[in-house]
Amino acid sequence: MKNISAYIREERLPFVLKSLEKEGVYGITVSQVMGRGTQKGISLRYRGSYINIDLLPKIHIEVIVPDQMEERVCRCISTHAFTGKPGDGRIFVFDVEKSIRVRTFEVEA
């Protein structure tokens, strides 16, 4: 199994969720986070002066999928989170050793 962890723009979340559902992925964790990447934040003009905002609001998505679905899910997220601007996000993939269902103690390796 793979743990796919993605950081995307807030406004792209509905598109990513809809595309994951089309792929058959329903189990998902979504968190609101703050962060920055290589764009190093943004500068805004407010009442005649510039303000630097270092940490930007992002969405963190976590999905656990079988190994054979890894490529499809990563492609799905990257395609639907894409805007072409700096700060579109990043996807990380981790191996999952095992999963234990709390209700039934069922172990999936």
N, C-alpha and C. Protein backbone atom coordinates (compact mmCIF):
# COMPACT_ATOMS: atom_id res chain seq x y z
N MET A 1 0.83 -1.17 0.00
CA MET A 1 0.00 0.00 0.00
C MET A 1 0.88 1.24 0.00
N LYS A 2 0.31 2.35 -0.48
CA LYS A 2 1.02 3.62 -0.55
C LYS A 2 0.23 4.70 0.16
N ASN A 3 0.95 5.58 0.84
CA ASN A 3 0.37 6.77 1.44
C ASN A 3 0.74 7.93 0.53
N ILE A 4 -0.26 8.53 -0.11
CA ILE A 4 -0.03 9.65 -1.00
C ILE A 4 -0.43 10.91 -0.25
N SER A 5 0.52 11.79 -0.07
CA SER A 5 0.33 13.02 0.68
C SER A 5 0.55 14.19 -0.27
N ALA A 6 -0.46 15.06 -0.43
CA ALA A 6 -0.36 16.17 -1.37
C ALA A 6 -0.70 17.48 -0.70
N TYR A 7 0.02 18.52 -1.08
CA TYR A 7 -0.26 19.89 -0.65
C TYR A 7 -0.68 20.67 -1.89
N ILE A 8 -1.89 21.22 -1.86
CA ILE A 8 -2.42 21.91 -3.04
C ILE A 8 -3.05 23.24 -2.63
N ARG A 9 -3.43 24.01 -3.63
CA ARG A 9 -4.15 25.27 -3.39
C ARG A 9 -5.56 24.97 -2.90
N GLU A 10 -6.08 25.84 -2.03
CA GLU A 10 -7.42 25.65 -1.46
C GLU A 10 -8.49 25.59 -2.53
N GLU A 11 -8.40 26.45 -3.53
CA GLU A 11 -9.46 26.55 -4.54
C GLU A 11 -9.51 25.35 -5.48
N ARG A 12 -8.48 24.51 -5.48
CA ARG A 12 -8.45 23.34 -6.37
C ARG A 12 -9.01 22.08 -5.71
N LEU A 13 -9.32 22.14 -4.41
CA LEU A 13 -9.79 20.96 -3.68
C LEU A 13 -11.03 20.32 -4.30
N PRO A 14 -12.09 21.07 -4.63
CA PRO A 14 -13.29 20.40 -5.18
C PRO A 14 -13.00 19.61 -6.47
N PHE A 15 -12.12 20.14 -7.30
CA PHE A 15 -11.78 19.45 -8.55
C PHE A 15 -11.00 18.16 -8.29
N VAL A 16 -10.07 18.21 -7.33
CA VAL A 16 -9.29 17.03 -6.99
C VAL A 16 -10.19 15.96 -6.36
N LEU A 17 -11.07 16.36 -5.44
CA LEU A 17 -11.97 15.39 -4.80
C LEU A 17 -12.87 14.71 -5.82
N LYS A 18 -13.43 15.47 -6.74
CA LYS A 18 -14.31 14.89 -7.76
C LYS A 18 -13.56 13.90 -8.64
N SER A 19 -12.32 14.24 -9.00
CA SER A 19 -11.54 13.34 -9.86
C SER A 19 -11.12 12.07 -9.11
N LEU A 20 -10.84 12.19 -7.81
CA LEU A 20 -10.49 10.99 -7.02
C LEU A 20 -11.69 10.06 -6.89
N GLU A 21 -12.88 10.63 -6.73
CA GLU A 21 -14.09 9.80 -6.67
C GLU A 21 -14.30 9.04 -7.97
N LYS A 22 -14.01 9.68 -9.10
CA LYS A 22 -14.13 8.99 -10.40
C LYS A 22 -13.16 7.83 -10.52
N GLU A 23 -12.02 7.93 -9.82
CA GLU A 23 -11.03 6.85 -9.82
C GLU A 23 -11.37 5.76 -8.81
N GLY A 24 -12.42 5.98 -7.99
CA GLY A 24 -12.81 4.99 -7.00
C GLY A 24 -12.15 5.17 -5.65
N VAL A 25 -11.58 6.34 -5.39
CA VAL A 25 -10.93 6.62 -4.12
C VAL A 25 -11.89 7.46 -3.28
N TYR A 26 -12.36 6.90 -2.16
CA TYR A 26 -13.31 7.60 -1.30
C TYR A 26 -12.73 7.91 0.07
N GLY A 27 -11.81 7.09 0.54
CA GLY A 27 -11.19 7.32 1.85
C GLY A 27 -10.10 8.37 1.71
N ILE A 28 -10.32 9.53 2.30
CA ILE A 28 -9.39 10.64 2.14
C ILE A 28 -9.39 11.49 3.41
N THR A 29 -8.24 12.04 3.76
CA THR A 29 -8.14 12.96 4.88
C THR A 29 -7.72 14.32 4.33
N VAL A 30 -8.44 15.37 4.72
CA VAL A 30 -8.16 16.72 4.25
C VAL A 30 -7.94 17.63 5.45
N SER A 31 -6.85 18.40 5.42
CA SER A 31 -6.53 19.34 6.50
C SER A 31 -6.18 20.69 5.90
N GLN A 32 -6.52 21.75 6.63
CA GLN A 32 -6.08 23.08 6.24
C GLN A 32 -4.75 23.35 6.93
N VAL A 33 -3.76 23.77 6.16
CA VAL A 33 -2.43 24.02 6.70
C VAL A 33 -1.92 25.35 6.16
N MET A 34 -0.83 25.82 6.74
CA MET A 34 -0.16 27.02 6.26
C MET A 34 1.27 26.63 5.90
N GLY A 35 1.78 27.20 4.82
CA GLY A 35 3.14 26.87 4.44
C GLY A 35 3.61 27.71 3.27
N ARG A 36 4.84 27.43 2.86
CA ARG A 36 5.40 28.09 1.70
C ARG A 36 6.42 27.17 1.07
N GLY A 37 6.65 27.39 -0.18
CA GLY A 37 7.63 26.61 -0.91
C GLY A 37 8.69 27.52 -1.48
N THR A 38 9.10 27.23 -2.70
CA THR A 38 10.15 28.03 -3.32
C THR A 38 9.68 29.42 -3.70
N GLN A 39 8.35 29.66 -3.72
CA GLN A 39 7.86 30.99 -4.05
C GLN A 39 8.08 31.98 -2.90
N LYS A 40 8.39 31.48 -1.70
CA LYS A 40 8.73 32.29 -0.53
C LYS A 40 7.64 33.28 -0.17
N GLY A 41 6.39 32.89 -0.29
CA GLY A 41 5.29 33.77 0.09
C GLY A 41 4.92 34.73 -1.02
N ILE A 42 4.11 35.73 -0.68
CA ILE A 42 3.67 36.72 -1.67
C ILE A 42 3.75 38.12 -1.06
N SER A 43 3.76 39.13 -1.93
CA SER A 43 3.72 40.52 -1.50
C SER A 43 2.38 41.11 -1.93
N LEU A 44 1.70 41.75 -1.00
CA LEU A 44 0.42 42.39 -1.28
C LEU A 44 0.54 43.89 -1.01
N ARG A 45 -0.20 44.67 -1.76
CA ARG A 45 -0.23 46.11 -1.52
C ARG A 45 -1.47 46.43 -0.71
N TYR A 46 -1.28 47.04 0.44
CA TYR A 46 -2.38 47.38 1.34
C TYR A 46 -2.23 48.82 1.79
N ARG A 47 -3.19 49.65 1.44
CA ARG A 47 -3.19 51.08 1.81
C ARG A 47 -1.88 51.77 1.46
N GLY A 48 -1.40 51.51 0.28
CA GLY A 48 -0.22 52.21 -0.22
C GLY A 48 1.12 51.60 0.14
N SER A 49 1.15 50.61 1.01
CA SER A 49 2.42 49.98 1.35
C SER A 49 2.36 48.48 1.04
N TYR A 50 3.52 47.89 0.90
CA TYR A 50 3.59 46.46 0.57
C TYR A 50 3.75 45.63 1.84
N ILE A 51 3.04 44.53 1.87
CA ILE A 51 3.10 43.61 3.00
C ILE A 51 3.56 42.25 2.47
N ASN A 52 4.57 41.67 3.12
CA ASN A 52 5.03 40.33 2.74
C ASN A 52 4.32 39.30 3.60
N ILE A 53 3.71 38.34 2.93
CA ILE A 53 3.04 37.24 3.62
C ILE A 53 3.84 35.98 3.35
N ASP A 54 4.49 35.45 4.39
CA ASP A 54 5.38 34.30 4.22
C ASP A 54 4.61 32.99 4.13
N LEU A 55 3.64 32.78 5.02
CA LEU A 55 2.92 31.52 5.06
C LEU A 55 1.57 31.67 4.37
N LEU A 56 1.34 30.80 3.40
CA LEU A 56 0.10 30.86 2.62
C LEU A 56 -0.80 29.69 2.99
N PRO A 57 -2.12 29.87 2.92
CA PRO A 57 -3.03 28.77 3.22
C PRO A 57 -2.96 27.71 2.11
N LYS A 58 -2.88 26.47 2.52
CA LYS A 58 -2.84 25.32 1.61
C LYS A 58 -3.78 24.25 2.14
N ILE A 59 -4.01 23.24 1.32
CA ILE A 59 -4.78 22.07 1.71
C ILE A 59 -3.85 20.86 1.67
N HIS A 60 -3.90 20.06 2.73
CA HIS A 60 -3.11 18.82 2.80
C HIS A 60 -4.08 17.65 2.63
N ILE A 61 -3.81 16.83 1.63
CA ILE A 61 -4.64 15.66 1.33
C ILE A 61 -3.81 14.41 1.59
N GLU A 62 -4.39 13.44 2.29
CA GLU A 62 -3.74 12.14 2.48
C GLU A 62 -4.67 11.04 2.00
N VAL A 63 -4.12 10.13 1.20
CA VAL A 63 -4.88 9.01 0.65
C VAL A 63 -4.03 7.75 0.77
N ILE A 64 -4.62 6.67 1.23
CA ILE A 64 -3.94 5.38 1.27
C ILE A 64 -4.56 4.52 0.18
N VAL A 65 -3.72 4.04 -0.75
CA VAL A 65 -4.22 3.26 -1.89
C VAL A 65 -3.35 2.04 -2.11
N PRO A 66 -3.88 1.02 -2.81
CA PRO A 66 -3.04 -0.13 -3.19
C PRO A 66 -1.93 0.32 -4.14
N ASP A 67 -0.84 -0.46 -4.18
CA ASP A 67 0.32 -0.11 -5.00
C ASP A 67 -0.04 0.16 -6.46
N GLN A 68 -0.95 -0.64 -7.02
CA GLN A 68 -1.27 -0.51 -8.44
C GLN A 68 -2.04 0.77 -8.76
N MET A 69 -2.58 1.47 -7.76
CA MET A 69 -3.32 2.71 -8.00
C MET A 69 -2.46 3.96 -7.82
N GLU A 70 -1.23 3.80 -7.40
CA GLU A 70 -0.37 4.95 -7.09
C GLU A 70 -0.25 5.92 -8.26
N GLU A 71 0.12 5.43 -9.43
CA GLU A 71 0.32 6.30 -10.59
C GLU A 71 -0.95 7.04 -10.98
N ARG A 72 -2.08 6.33 -11.00
CA ARG A 72 -3.36 6.96 -11.39
C ARG A 72 -3.76 8.05 -10.43
N VAL A 73 -3.59 7.81 -9.12
CA VAL A 73 -3.98 8.80 -8.12
C VAL A 73 -3.05 10.01 -8.18
N CYS A 74 -1.75 9.80 -8.32
CA CYS A 74 -0.82 10.92 -8.44
C CYS A 74 -1.10 11.76 -9.69
N ARG A 75 -1.38 11.10 -10.80
CA ARG A 75 -1.71 11.80 -12.04
C ARG A 75 -3.01 12.59 -11.88
N CYS A 76 -3.96 11.98 -11.22
CA CYS A 76 -5.26 12.61 -10.98
C CYS A 76 -5.10 13.89 -10.15
N ILE A 77 -4.34 13.81 -9.07
CA ILE A 77 -4.13 14.97 -8.21
C ILE A 77 -3.36 16.06 -8.95
N SER A 78 -2.28 15.69 -9.61
CA SER A 78 -1.46 16.70 -10.29
C SER A 78 -2.20 17.36 -11.44
N THR A 79 -3.01 16.61 -12.16
CA THR A 79 -3.76 17.18 -13.28
C THR A 79 -4.81 18.17 -12.81
N HIS A 80 -5.54 17.84 -11.76
CA HIS A 80 -6.65 18.68 -11.32
C HIS A 80 -6.24 19.77 -10.33
N ALA A 81 -5.02 19.71 -9.78
CA ALA A 81 -4.53 20.77 -8.89
C ALA A 81 -3.71 21.80 -9.66
N PHE A 82 -3.43 21.55 -10.92
CA PHE A 82 -2.56 22.39 -11.74
C PHE A 82 -3.22 23.71 -12.12
N THR A 83 -2.50 24.83 -11.89
CA THR A 83 -2.93 26.14 -12.40
C THR A 83 -1.85 26.75 -13.28
N GLY A 84 -0.61 26.26 -13.18
CA GLY A 84 0.49 26.81 -13.97
C GLY A 84 1.22 27.93 -13.27
N LYS A 85 0.81 28.29 -12.06
CA LYS A 85 1.44 29.37 -11.30
C LYS A 85 2.31 28.78 -10.19
N PRO A 86 3.30 29.55 -9.70
CA PRO A 86 4.08 29.06 -8.56
C PRO A 86 3.17 28.82 -7.36
N GLY A 87 3.44 27.77 -6.61
CA GLY A 87 2.64 27.46 -5.44
C GLY A 87 1.52 26.47 -5.71
N ASP A 88 1.56 25.77 -6.85
CA ASP A 88 0.54 24.78 -7.17
C ASP A 88 0.55 23.62 -6.19
N GLY A 89 1.71 23.28 -5.63
CA GLY A 89 1.75 22.22 -4.63
C GLY A 89 2.79 21.17 -4.91
N ARG A 90 2.71 20.11 -4.13
CA ARG A 90 3.67 19.01 -4.22
C ARG A 90 3.02 17.74 -3.73
N ILE A 91 3.43 16.60 -4.29
CA ILE A 91 2.91 15.28 -3.92
C ILE A 91 4.07 14.43 -3.40
N PHE A 92 3.84 13.76 -2.26
CA PHE A 92 4.82 12.84 -1.69
C PHE A 92 4.19 11.46 -1.61
N VAL A 93 4.98 10.42 -1.85
CA VAL A 93 4.49 9.04 -1.79
C VAL A 93 5.35 8.26 -0.80
N PHE A 94 4.67 7.58 0.15
CA PHE A 94 5.35 6.78 1.17
C PHE A 94 4.82 5.36 1.14
N ASP A 95 5.65 4.41 1.53
CA ASP A 95 5.20 3.03 1.69
C ASP A 95 4.46 2.87 3.01
N VAL A 96 3.44 2.03 3.03
CA VAL A 96 2.69 1.71 4.24
C VAL A 96 2.95 0.25 4.56
N GLU A 97 3.50 -0.04 5.73
CA GLU A 97 3.82 -1.42 6.10
C GLU A 97 2.57 -2.25 6.33
N LYS A 98 1.66 -1.72 7.16
CA LYS A 98 0.42 -2.45 7.41
C LYS A 98 -0.64 -1.49 7.90
N SER A 99 -1.87 -1.95 7.82
CA SER A 99 -3.03 -1.17 8.25
C SER A 99 -3.88 -2.03 9.17
N ILE A 100 -4.32 -1.46 10.28
CA ILE A 100 -5.15 -2.21 11.24
C ILE A 100 -6.48 -1.48 11.40
N ARG A 101 -7.57 -2.17 11.08
CA ARG A 101 -8.90 -1.60 11.25
C ARG A 101 -9.25 -1.66 12.74
N VAL A 102 -9.54 -0.53 13.34
CA VAL A 102 -9.77 -0.45 14.79
C VAL A 102 -10.99 -1.24 15.21
N ARG A 103 -12.07 -1.16 14.47
CA ARG A 103 -13.32 -1.82 14.85
C ARG A 103 -13.21 -3.34 14.89
N THR A 104 -12.49 -3.93 13.92
CA THR A 104 -12.43 -5.39 13.81
C THR A 104 -11.04 -5.98 14.06
N PHE A 105 -10.06 -5.14 14.27
CA PHE A 105 -8.66 -5.55 14.44
C PHE A 105 -8.12 -6.29 13.20
N GLU A 106 -8.74 -6.10 12.06
CA GLU A 106 -8.31 -6.72 10.81
C GLU A 106 -7.01 -6.07 10.37
N VAL A 107 -6.00 -6.90 10.05
CA VAL A 107 -4.70 -6.40 9.62
C VAL A 107 -4.56 -6.58 8.12
N GLU A 108 -4.18 -5.52 7.46
CA GLU A 108 -3.93 -5.58 6.01
C GLU A 108 -2.49 -5.19 5.78
N ALA A 109 -1.73 -6.05 5.12
CA ALA A 109 -0.31 -5.77 4.90
C ALA A 109 -0.03 -5.44 3.45
